[in-house]
Amino acid sequence: MALIFRWYFGYSSRLAFSGNEECKVDYQVHCGPALGAFNQWVKGTEMEDWHNRHVDKIGIKIMEDAAELLNHRLTTIIA
């Protein structure tokens, strides 16, 4: 079973890299824990559904949340 999983892991990665449209349901795109962290971060927002995730919306959310975090930290330092 381990050999089958190892083979499929390599096969599905090669499909994704090659862009073979006939086998796109078998694509495997590797990601690390960052995707899980991102999913937790957008949980409860309109971006929870992956269909609503667009690079411009993600960029705006990153900037707004970073500004909010910096403002919070600054007010705790000043206070």
N, C-alpha and C. Protein backbone atom coordinates (compact mmCIF):
# COMPACT_ATOMS: atom_id res chain seq x y z
N MET A 1 0.82 -1.19 0.00
CA MET A 1 0.00 0.00 0.00
C MET A 1 0.87 1.26 0.00
N ALA A 2 1.96 1.21 0.76
CA ALA A 2 2.85 2.37 0.82
C ALA A 2 3.44 2.67 -0.56
N LEU A 3 3.76 1.63 -1.32
CA LEU A 3 4.30 1.84 -2.66
C LEU A 3 3.28 2.48 -3.58
N ILE A 4 2.04 2.09 -3.45
CA ILE A 4 0.97 2.69 -4.27
C ILE A 4 0.82 4.17 -3.92
N PHE A 5 0.79 4.49 -2.63
CA PHE A 5 0.67 5.89 -2.21
C PHE A 5 1.86 6.72 -2.70
N ARG A 6 3.06 6.14 -2.59
CA ARG A 6 4.26 6.85 -3.03
C ARG A 6 4.20 7.10 -4.54
N TRP A 7 3.76 6.07 -5.29
CA TRP A 7 3.64 6.24 -6.74
C TRP A 7 2.62 7.32 -7.09
N TYR A 8 1.45 7.27 -6.46
CA TYR A 8 0.41 8.24 -6.77
C TYR A 8 0.83 9.66 -6.39
N PHE A 9 1.54 9.78 -5.30
CA PHE A 9 2.03 11.08 -4.86
C PHE A 9 2.91 11.70 -5.93
N GLY A 10 3.85 10.92 -6.47
CA GLY A 10 4.72 11.41 -7.54
C GLY A 10 3.97 11.65 -8.83
N TYR A 11 3.07 10.72 -9.17
CA TYR A 11 2.29 10.82 -10.41
C TYR A 11 1.41 12.07 -10.42
N SER A 12 0.69 12.30 -9.33
CA SER A 12 -0.22 13.44 -9.28
C SER A 12 0.56 14.76 -9.27
N SER A 13 1.74 14.76 -8.70
CA SER A 13 2.57 15.97 -8.73
C SER A 13 3.04 16.26 -10.15
N ARG A 14 3.47 15.22 -10.86
CA ARG A 14 3.92 15.40 -12.25
C ARG A 14 2.77 15.90 -13.13
N LEU A 15 1.56 15.41 -12.88
CA LEU A 15 0.40 15.87 -13.65
C LEU A 15 0.18 17.37 -13.45
N ALA A 16 0.27 17.80 -12.21
CA ALA A 16 0.06 19.22 -11.91
C ALA A 16 1.13 20.08 -12.57
N PHE A 17 2.37 19.63 -12.51
CA PHE A 17 3.46 20.40 -13.12
C PHE A 17 3.35 20.44 -14.64
N SER A 18 2.89 19.35 -15.22
CA SER A 18 2.80 19.30 -16.69
C SER A 18 1.59 20.07 -17.22
N GLY A 19 0.57 20.25 -16.38
CA GLY A 19 -0.63 20.97 -16.81
C GLY A 19 -1.54 20.14 -17.69
N ASN A 20 -1.46 18.83 -17.58
CA ASN A 20 -2.28 17.94 -18.39
C ASN A 20 -3.75 18.15 -18.04
N GLU A 21 -4.49 18.81 -18.94
CA GLU A 21 -5.90 19.15 -18.69
C GLU A 21 -6.80 17.92 -18.57
N GLU A 22 -6.44 16.83 -19.24
CA GLU A 22 -7.27 15.62 -19.20
C GLU A 22 -7.28 14.97 -17.82
N CYS A 23 -6.28 15.26 -17.03
CA CYS A 23 -6.17 14.63 -15.71
C CYS A 23 -6.20 15.64 -14.58
N LYS A 24 -6.83 16.78 -14.78
CA LYS A 24 -6.75 17.83 -13.76
C LYS A 24 -7.42 17.46 -12.44
N VAL A 25 -8.34 16.50 -12.44
CA VAL A 25 -8.93 16.08 -11.16
C VAL A 25 -7.92 15.32 -10.31
N ASP A 26 -6.84 14.86 -10.91
CA ASP A 26 -5.81 14.14 -10.17
C ASP A 26 -4.64 15.02 -9.75
N TYR A 27 -4.69 16.32 -10.05
CA TYR A 27 -3.59 17.21 -9.67
C TYR A 27 -3.43 17.19 -8.16
N GLN A 28 -2.20 17.27 -7.75
CA GLN A 28 -1.91 17.41 -6.34
C GLN A 28 -0.95 18.58 -6.19
N VAL A 29 -1.37 19.58 -5.50
CA VAL A 29 -0.53 20.76 -5.28
C VAL A 29 -0.12 20.74 -3.81
N HIS A 30 1.17 20.70 -3.59
CA HIS A 30 1.68 20.57 -2.23
C HIS A 30 1.69 21.93 -1.54
N CYS A 31 1.30 21.92 -0.32
CA CYS A 31 1.38 23.13 0.49
C CYS A 31 1.72 22.70 1.91
N GLY A 32 2.22 23.60 2.64
CA GLY A 32 2.60 23.30 4.00
C GLY A 32 1.52 23.76 4.97
N PRO A 33 1.90 23.96 6.19
CA PRO A 33 0.95 24.38 7.21
C PRO A 33 0.39 25.79 6.98
N ALA A 34 0.99 26.52 6.04
CA ALA A 34 0.51 27.88 5.77
C ALA A 34 -0.93 27.88 5.26
N LEU A 35 -1.30 26.88 4.46
CA LEU A 35 -2.67 26.85 3.95
C LEU A 35 -3.66 26.61 5.09
N GLY A 36 -3.31 25.75 6.01
CA GLY A 36 -4.17 25.53 7.17
C GLY A 36 -4.29 26.79 8.02
N ALA A 37 -3.19 27.50 8.19
CA ALA A 37 -3.22 28.75 8.95
C ALA A 37 -4.07 29.78 8.22
N PHE A 38 -3.95 29.84 6.90
CA PHE A 38 -4.77 30.77 6.13
C PHE A 38 -6.24 30.43 6.27
N ASN A 39 -6.59 29.15 6.19
CA ASN A 39 -7.98 28.75 6.33
C ASN A 39 -8.54 29.14 7.70
N GLN A 40 -7.73 29.00 8.75
CA GLN A 40 -8.17 29.44 10.08
C GLN A 40 -8.36 30.95 10.13
N TRP A 41 -7.47 31.68 9.46
CA TRP A 41 -7.52 33.13 9.47
C TRP A 41 -8.77 33.67 8.79
N VAL A 42 -9.19 33.02 7.71
CA VAL A 42 -10.36 33.51 6.97
C VAL A 42 -11.67 32.86 7.42
N LYS A 43 -11.59 31.96 8.40
CA LYS A 43 -12.80 31.30 8.90
C LYS A 43 -13.76 32.34 9.46
N GLY A 44 -15.01 32.24 9.04
CA GLY A 44 -16.03 33.18 9.50
C GLY A 44 -16.11 34.44 8.66
N THR A 45 -15.29 34.55 7.62
CA THR A 45 -15.34 35.69 6.71
C THR A 45 -15.91 35.23 5.38
N GLU A 46 -16.12 36.18 4.48
CA GLU A 46 -16.61 35.81 3.15
C GLU A 46 -15.61 34.95 2.39
N MET A 47 -14.34 35.00 2.78
CA MET A 47 -13.32 34.20 2.10
C MET A 47 -13.23 32.77 2.64
N GLU A 48 -14.09 32.41 3.56
CA GLU A 48 -14.08 31.03 4.05
C GLU A 48 -14.37 30.07 2.89
N ASP A 49 -15.27 30.46 2.01
CA ASP A 49 -15.53 29.69 0.80
C ASP A 49 -14.43 30.01 -0.21
N TRP A 50 -13.72 29.01 -0.66
CA TRP A 50 -12.58 29.23 -1.55
C TRP A 50 -12.97 29.90 -2.85
N HIS A 51 -14.24 29.82 -3.25
CA HIS A 51 -14.67 30.49 -4.47
C HIS A 51 -14.57 32.01 -4.36
N ASN A 52 -14.59 32.51 -3.14
CA ASN A 52 -14.53 33.96 -2.91
C ASN A 52 -13.11 34.46 -2.66
N ARG A 53 -12.13 33.63 -2.87
CA ARG A 53 -10.74 34.03 -2.62
C ARG A 53 -10.11 34.53 -3.90
N HIS A 54 -9.84 35.81 -3.90
CA HIS A 54 -9.18 36.45 -5.04
C HIS A 54 -7.99 37.22 -4.51
N VAL A 55 -6.96 37.29 -5.31
CA VAL A 55 -5.70 37.87 -4.84
C VAL A 55 -5.88 39.31 -4.35
N ASP A 56 -6.75 40.08 -5.00
CA ASP A 56 -6.94 41.46 -4.55
C ASP A 56 -7.62 41.51 -3.18
N LYS A 57 -8.60 40.66 -2.94
CA LYS A 57 -9.28 40.63 -1.65
C LYS A 57 -8.34 40.14 -0.55
N ILE A 58 -7.52 39.15 -0.88
CA ILE A 58 -6.57 38.62 0.09
C ILE A 58 -5.54 39.69 0.45
N GLY A 59 -5.05 40.42 -0.54
CA GLY A 59 -4.09 41.49 -0.28
C GLY A 59 -4.66 42.58 0.61
N ILE A 60 -5.90 42.96 0.34
CA ILE A 60 -6.55 43.99 1.16
C ILE A 60 -6.71 43.50 2.59
N LYS A 61 -7.14 42.24 2.75
CA LYS A 61 -7.31 41.70 4.11
C LYS A 61 -5.98 41.65 4.85
N ILE A 62 -4.92 41.27 4.17
CA ILE A 62 -3.60 41.25 4.82
C ILE A 62 -3.22 42.64 5.30
N MET A 63 -3.39 43.64 4.43
CA MET A 63 -3.01 45.01 4.80
C MET A 63 -3.89 45.55 5.94
N GLU A 64 -5.20 45.31 5.87
CA GLU A 64 -6.09 45.81 6.91
C GLU A 64 -5.81 45.14 8.26
N ASP A 65 -5.64 43.84 8.25
CA ASP A 65 -5.39 43.14 9.51
C ASP A 65 -4.01 43.49 10.07
N ALA A 66 -3.02 43.70 9.20
CA ALA A 66 -1.70 44.12 9.67
C ALA A 66 -1.77 45.51 10.30
N ALA A 67 -2.52 46.41 9.67
CA ALA A 67 -2.68 47.76 10.22
C ALA A 67 -3.38 47.70 11.58
N GLU A 68 -4.40 46.87 11.69
CA GLU A 68 -5.11 46.72 12.96
C GLU A 68 -4.19 46.19 14.05
N LEU A 69 -3.38 45.19 13.71
CA LEU A 69 -2.43 44.62 14.68
C LEU A 69 -1.40 45.65 15.11
N LEU A 70 -0.85 46.40 14.14
CA LEU A 70 0.14 47.42 14.48
C LEU A 70 -0.46 48.53 15.33
N ASN A 71 -1.67 48.95 15.01
CA ASN A 71 -2.34 49.98 15.82
C ASN A 71 -2.58 49.49 17.24
N HIS A 72 -3.01 48.25 17.37
CA HIS A 72 -3.24 47.67 18.71
C HIS A 72 -1.94 47.62 19.51
N ARG A 73 -0.87 47.18 18.88
CA ARG A 73 0.42 47.09 19.59
C ARG A 73 0.95 48.47 19.95
N LEU A 74 0.75 49.43 19.07
CA LEU A 74 1.21 50.78 19.35
C LEU A 74 0.45 51.38 20.52
N THR A 75 -0.86 51.18 20.56
CA THR A 75 -1.64 51.74 21.67
C THR A 75 -1.28 51.06 23.00
N THR A 76 -0.90 49.79 22.97
CA THR A 76 -0.49 49.15 24.24
C THR A 76 0.88 49.63 24.68
N ILE A 77 1.73 50.01 23.75
CA ILE A 77 3.06 50.52 24.12
C ILE A 77 2.92 51.93 24.70
N ILE A 78 2.07 52.75 24.07
CA ILE A 78 1.89 54.14 24.50
C ILE A 78 1.16 54.23 25.84
N ALA A 79 0.20 53.34 26.04
CA ALA A 79 -0.64 53.41 27.25
C ALA A 79 0.07 53.03 28.50
